[in-house]
C-alpha cells in the first residue's frame, strides 16, 4: 500500500519554492533579454538610406532611370558594441553608382565603430548600342547603332544619349557589337588641315558677311580654330564643316 502526503504552500520545501520562482522568472525575462541582445538590421539601414540618396544621384534624363538596389551584409563574425544611433554615409571617394559601399558608423555609444556594407545600384534606361563593328577613325552614322535598354551604372563613363553628341563624330577606337556609346568612345571629326583655304562667316544682329581665309590650325567640327584673313588679320572661330568657320560678332 502506498501513501501520499499533500504539502500545504507553507510546508513546501525551500528548494522547491526556489525552483518554482526561478522558472517563473525565466518565463518573464526571456523575451526582453533576447530583444536587448538582438543586433539591428544593418543591411536594412543601408538599403533605406541608399534608396533616399539614389533619387538625387542619378543623371537627369527626360524619363527617370529604373533603379534597382541590392545590399550585402556584414561579416557574421564581426561583433559590434551596442549603439544608440547609427549613421549611414557615403565613404570619401565613393559614388552611389554601380558597385559601391555604404558606410555605417556609431555616433552614440560607449565604443565608437565604423564599418561598411557592399551595395550595388543598377540604373536601367535607353541608350545607343553599336549594332556592328565600327573601326577606329570611322565616322558614326545612325545606321551604326540601335536604341535599347541598358544598365547605365555598369560603367562610370556617362552615356551619350543625345545623338548630337556622337552622330558624325569619329570612333576613338574599334567599337564592337553591343557596346554602349559612352563618353570617351568618340571624338569630334577633323575636317581640314592647317593651311586649308576656308570660308569665314561672320554673323551679327540682323546681318551676315563672309570672306576667305587660311586655317592656321586643324579644323575639328564644333571646336575653335585660328584663321588668317586676306587682309592679314588673324581671328578665331568655330568650325562648322570642311570649308566653313563661323565667327560671332
Protein backbone atom coordinates (compact mmCIF):
# COMPACT_ATOMS: atom_id res chain seq x y z
CA UNK A 1 0.00 0.00 0.00
CA UNK A 2 1.23 3.41 -0.99
CA UNK A 3 0.59 6.57 0.94
CA UNK A 4 0.84 10.15 -0.25
CA UNK A 5 1.33 13.41 1.59
CA UNK A 6 -0.04 16.70 0.22
CA UNK A 7 2.07 19.63 1.37
CA UNK A 8 0.48 22.96 2.04
CA UNK A 9 2.21 26.02 0.45
CA UNK A 10 3.75 26.97 3.76
CA UNK A 11 5.06 23.42 4.22
CA UNK A 12 6.77 23.10 0.84
CA UNK A 13 10.49 22.59 0.71
CA UNK A 14 12.57 25.80 0.35
CA UNK A 15 14.36 24.21 -2.60
CA UNK A 16 11.06 23.53 -4.35
CA UNK A 17 9.87 27.10 -3.81
CA UNK A 18 13.17 28.46 -5.18
CA UNK A 19 12.93 26.29 -8.29
CA UNK A 20 9.38 27.50 -8.94
CA UNK A 21 10.42 31.14 -8.62
CA UNK A 22 13.37 30.68 -11.00
CA UNK A 23 11.15 29.02 -13.60
CA UNK A 24 8.64 31.86 -13.40
CA UNK A 25 11.37 34.46 -13.65
CA UNK A 26 12.84 32.84 -16.74
CA UNK A 27 9.45 32.95 -18.48
CA UNK A 28 9.06 36.64 -17.69
CA UNK A 29 12.58 37.67 -18.70
CA UNK A 30 13.42 35.64 -21.81
CA UNK A 31 11.79 37.97 -24.34
CA UNK A 32 13.27 41.29 -23.06
CA UNK A 33 16.78 39.82 -22.84
CA UNK A 34 16.63 38.46 -26.37
CA UNK A 35 15.29 41.76 -27.70
CA UNK A 36 18.04 43.68 -25.95
CA UNK A 37 20.76 41.45 -27.39
CA UNK A 38 19.32 41.35 -30.92
CA UNK A 39 21.56 43.26 -33.36
CA UNK A 40 20.00 45.92 -35.62
CA UNK A 41 19.42 45.03 -39.25
CA UNK A 42 22.35 46.97 -40.70
CA UNK A 43 21.57 45.83 -44.25
CA UNK A 44 18.06 47.30 -43.99
CA UNK A 45 19.54 50.55 -42.65
CA UNK A 46 21.94 50.81 -45.57
CA UNK A 47 19.22 49.98 -48.11
CA UNK A 48 16.79 52.58 -46.72
CA UNK A 49 19.47 55.27 -46.79
CA UNK A 50 20.62 54.34 -50.31
CA UNK A 51 17.06 54.45 -51.67
CA UNK A 52 16.68 58.02 -50.48
CA UNK A 53 20.04 59.11 -51.89
CA UNK A 54 19.66 57.31 -55.24
CA UNK A 55 16.87 59.64 -56.33
CA UNK A 56 19.28 62.58 -56.40
CA UNK A 57 22.34 60.62 -57.55
CA UNK A 58 21.03 59.50 -60.96
CA UNK A 59 21.61 61.59 -64.13
CA UNK A 60 18.86 63.97 -65.20
CA UNK A 61 17.02 62.39 -68.13
CA UNK A 62 13.65 63.02 -69.81
CA UNK A 63 12.44 59.69 -68.46
CA UNK A 64 13.78 58.73 -64.99
CA UNK A 65 16.00 55.69 -64.96
CA UNK A 66 14.62 52.50 -63.42
CA UNK A 67 16.71 51.85 -60.32
CA UNK A 68 17.49 48.52 -58.66
CA UNK A 69 19.34 48.42 -55.33
CA UNK A 70 20.79 45.40 -53.56
CA UNK A 71 22.91 45.33 -50.42
CA UNK A 72 25.17 42.74 -48.89
CA UNK A 73 25.71 42.01 -45.21
CA UNK A 74 28.36 42.48 -42.58
CA UNK A 75 30.71 39.63 -41.78
CA UNK A 76 28.83 37.40 -39.34
CA UNK A 77 31.99 37.09 -37.26
CA UNK A 78 32.04 40.83 -36.64
CA UNK A 79 30.77 41.75 -33.17
CA UNK A 80 29.81 45.41 -32.75
CA UNK A 81 29.25 47.17 -29.44
CA UNK A 82 25.70 48.40 -28.73
CA UNK A 83 24.99 51.82 -30.20
CA UNK A 84 22.17 54.28 -29.58
CA UNK A 85 22.42 55.94 -33.00
CA UNK A 86 23.90 54.50 -36.20
CA UNK A 87 24.53 56.90 -39.10
CA UNK A 88 24.75 55.86 -42.75
CA UNK A 89 27.02 57.77 -45.15
CA UNK A 90 28.91 57.50 -48.44
CA UNK A 91 32.66 56.91 -47.85
CA UNK A 92 35.01 59.57 -49.29
CA UNK A 93 35.79 58.96 -52.96
CA UNK A 94 32.89 56.52 -53.36
CA UNK A 95 29.82 57.09 -55.55
CA UNK A 96 26.34 55.64 -55.34
CA UNK A 97 26.65 54.08 -58.80
CA UNK A 98 27.35 50.51 -59.86
CA UNK A 99 29.30 48.52 -57.28
CA UNK A 100 29.93 50.63 -54.19
CA UNK A 101 29.79 50.58 -50.40
CA UNK A 102 27.68 52.32 -47.76
CA UNK A 103 29.37 53.32 -44.53
CA UNK A 104 27.75 52.83 -41.12
CA UNK A 105 29.19 54.50 -38.04
CA UNK A 106 28.19 54.62 -34.41
CA UNK A 107 27.70 58.23 -33.26
CA UNK A 108 26.15 57.50 -29.85
CA UNK A 109 27.74 54.65 -27.93
CA UNK A 110 30.35 53.73 -25.36
CA UNK A 111 32.53 52.35 -28.15
CA UNK A 112 32.54 54.18 -31.49
CA UNK A 113 32.85 51.97 -34.57
CA UNK A 114 32.82 52.41 -38.33
CA UNK A 115 32.00 49.67 -40.88
CA UNK A 116 30.77 49.44 -44.47
CA UNK A 117 28.35 47.23 -46.38
CA UNK A 118 28.63 46.35 -50.12
CA UNK A 119 25.93 47.83 -52.31
CA UNK A 120 25.04 47.54 -56.00
CA UNK A 121 22.95 50.13 -57.85
CA UNK A 122 21.67 49.38 -61.35
CA UNK A 123 20.07 52.16 -63.40
CA UNK A 124 18.16 50.95 -66.46
CA UNK A 125 17.28 53.29 -69.31
CA UNK A 126 17.51 53.75 -73.09
CA UNK A 127 20.92 54.10 -74.73
CA UNK A 128 22.55 53.81 -78.15
CA UNK A 129 24.27 50.47 -78.70
CA UNK A 130 26.58 49.55 -81.58
CA UNK A 131 24.87 47.07 -83.90
CA UNK A 132 28.01 46.02 -85.80
CA UNK A 133 31.77 46.55 -85.88
CA UNK A 134 32.89 50.17 -86.22
CA UNK A 135 36.57 50.69 -86.93
CA UNK A 136 38.61 53.37 -85.17
CA UNK A 137 38.64 56.59 -87.17
CA UNK A 138 35.29 55.90 -88.84
CA UNK A 139 32.52 58.49 -88.61
CA UNK A 140 29.44 57.21 -86.78
CA UNK A 141 26.14 57.14 -88.66
CA UNK A 142 22.60 56.47 -87.44
CA UNK A 143 22.72 53.06 -89.11
CA UNK A 144 25.65 52.02 -86.89
CA UNK A 145 23.58 51.96 -83.69
CA UNK A 146 20.27 50.85 -82.23
CA UNK A 147 18.38 52.10 -79.15
CA UNK A 148 17.92 49.51 -76.38
CA UNK A 149 17.58 49.50 -72.58
CA UNK A 150 20.88 49.05 -70.74
CA UNK A 151 22.29 49.43 -67.24
CA UNK A 152 23.77 52.93 -67.22
CA UNK A 153 25.58 52.16 -63.96
CA UNK A 154 27.52 49.25 -65.46
CA UNK A 155 30.27 51.78 -66.25
CA UNK A 156 31.20 55.11 -64.68
CA UNK A 157 31.55 56.86 -68.05
CA UNK A 158 28.41 58.89 -68.98
CA UNK A 159 26.06 57.52 -71.62
CA UNK A 160 25.79 59.58 -74.85
CA UNK A 161 22.00 59.67 -75.07
CA UNK A 162 21.72 62.80 -77.27
CA UNK A 163 22.56 61.88 -80.93
CA UNK A 164 24.19 65.30 -81.31
CA UNK A 165 26.96 64.06 -79.03
CA UNK A 166 28.01 61.21 -81.34
CA UNK A 167 26.38 61.50 -84.77
CA UNK A 168 29.05 62.24 -87.38
CA UNK A 169 31.84 62.01 -84.83
CA UNK A 170 34.79 59.65 -85.11
CA UNK A 171 35.19 56.37 -83.23
CA UNK A 172 38.13 56.83 -80.85
CA UNK A 173 38.84 53.06 -81.03
CA UNK A 174 37.34 49.92 -82.50
CA UNK A 175 33.73 49.54 -81.36
CA UNK A 176 32.16 46.09 -81.12
CA UNK A 177 28.61 44.80 -81.35
CA UNK A 178 26.58 45.52 -78.22
CA UNK A 179 28.91 48.24 -76.94
CA UNK A 180 27.11 51.21 -75.36
CA UNK A 181 28.07 54.64 -76.70
CA UNK A 182 29.66 56.42 -73.76
CA UNK A 183 31.86 59.43 -73.29
CA UNK A 184 35.42 58.73 -74.43
CA UNK A 185 34.43 56.32 -77.21
CA UNK A 186 34.00 59.06 -79.82
CA UNK A 187 35.78 62.28 -80.64
CA UNK A 188 34.99 65.25 -82.89
CA UNK A 189 35.85 64.69 -86.55
CA UNK A 190 38.79 66.57 -88.07
CA UNK A 191 37.64 68.06 -91.37
CA UNK A 192 40.66 70.06 -92.60
CA UNK A 193 44.39 70.53 -92.06
CA UNK A 194 46.31 73.68 -91.23
CA UNK A 195 46.86 75.71 -94.40
CA UNK A 196 43.46 74.87 -95.90
CA UNK A 197 41.54 77.69 -97.57
CA UNK A 198 38.23 78.18 -95.75
CA UNK A 199 35.24 80.48 -95.89
CA UNK A 200 34.82 82.64 -92.80
CA UNK A 201 31.24 83.60 -91.98
CA UNK A 202 30.70 86.47 -89.56
CA UNK A 203 27.28 86.83 -88.00
CA UNK A 204 25.77 89.65 -86.03
CA UNK A 205 22.34 91.03 -85.17
CA UNK A 206 20.46 91.07 -88.47
CA UNK A 207 23.41 90.57 -90.81
CA UNK A 208 25.90 88.04 -92.15
CA UNK A 209 29.09 88.55 -94.16
CA UNK A 210 31.61 86.09 -95.49
CA UNK A 211 35.22 86.23 -96.59
CA UNK A 212 38.05 83.88 -97.47
CA UNK A 213 40.91 82.94 -95.15
CA UNK A 214 43.58 80.37 -94.45
CA UNK A 215 43.34 77.98 -91.50
CA UNK A 216 46.33 78.22 -89.16
CA UNK A 217 45.41 75.05 -87.25
CA UNK A 218 43.50 71.84 -87.89
CA UNK A 219 39.73 72.07 -88.11
CA UNK A 220 37.56 69.89 -85.87
CA UNK A 221 33.78 70.22 -86.10
CA UNK A 222 32.43 72.16 -83.14
CA UNK A 223 35.84 73.33 -81.93
CA UNK A 224 37.72 76.61 -82.28
CA UNK A 225 40.37 77.20 -84.95
CA UNK A 226 42.54 80.18 -85.95
CA UNK A 227 42.27 81.75 -89.38
CA UNK A 228 44.35 84.38 -91.22
CA UNK A 229 42.11 86.64 -93.27
CA UNK A 230 43.06 88.01 -96.70
CA UNK A 231 43.95 91.37 -95.13
CA UNK A 232 46.45 89.65 -92.81
CA UNK A 233 44.27 89.87 -89.70
CA UNK A 234 44.16 86.73 -87.52
CA UNK A 235 40.89 85.70 -85.93
CA UNK A 236 39.32 82.63 -84.30
CA UNK A 237 36.04 80.91 -84.99
CA UNK A 238 34.06 77.68 -84.66
CA UNK A 239 34.43 75.00 -87.33
CA UNK A 240 31.09 74.21 -88.93
CA UNK A 241 32.19 71.82 -91.69
CA UNK A 242 35.09 71.03 -94.03
CA UNK A 243 35.00 74.50 -95.62
CA UNK A 244 33.32 76.87 -93.14
CA UNK A 245 34.38 78.69 -89.98
CA UNK A 246 31.85 80.78 -88.07
CA UNK A 247 32.66 83.97 -86.16
CA UNK A 248 30.11 85.50 -83.80
CA UNK A 249 30.21 89.29 -83.60
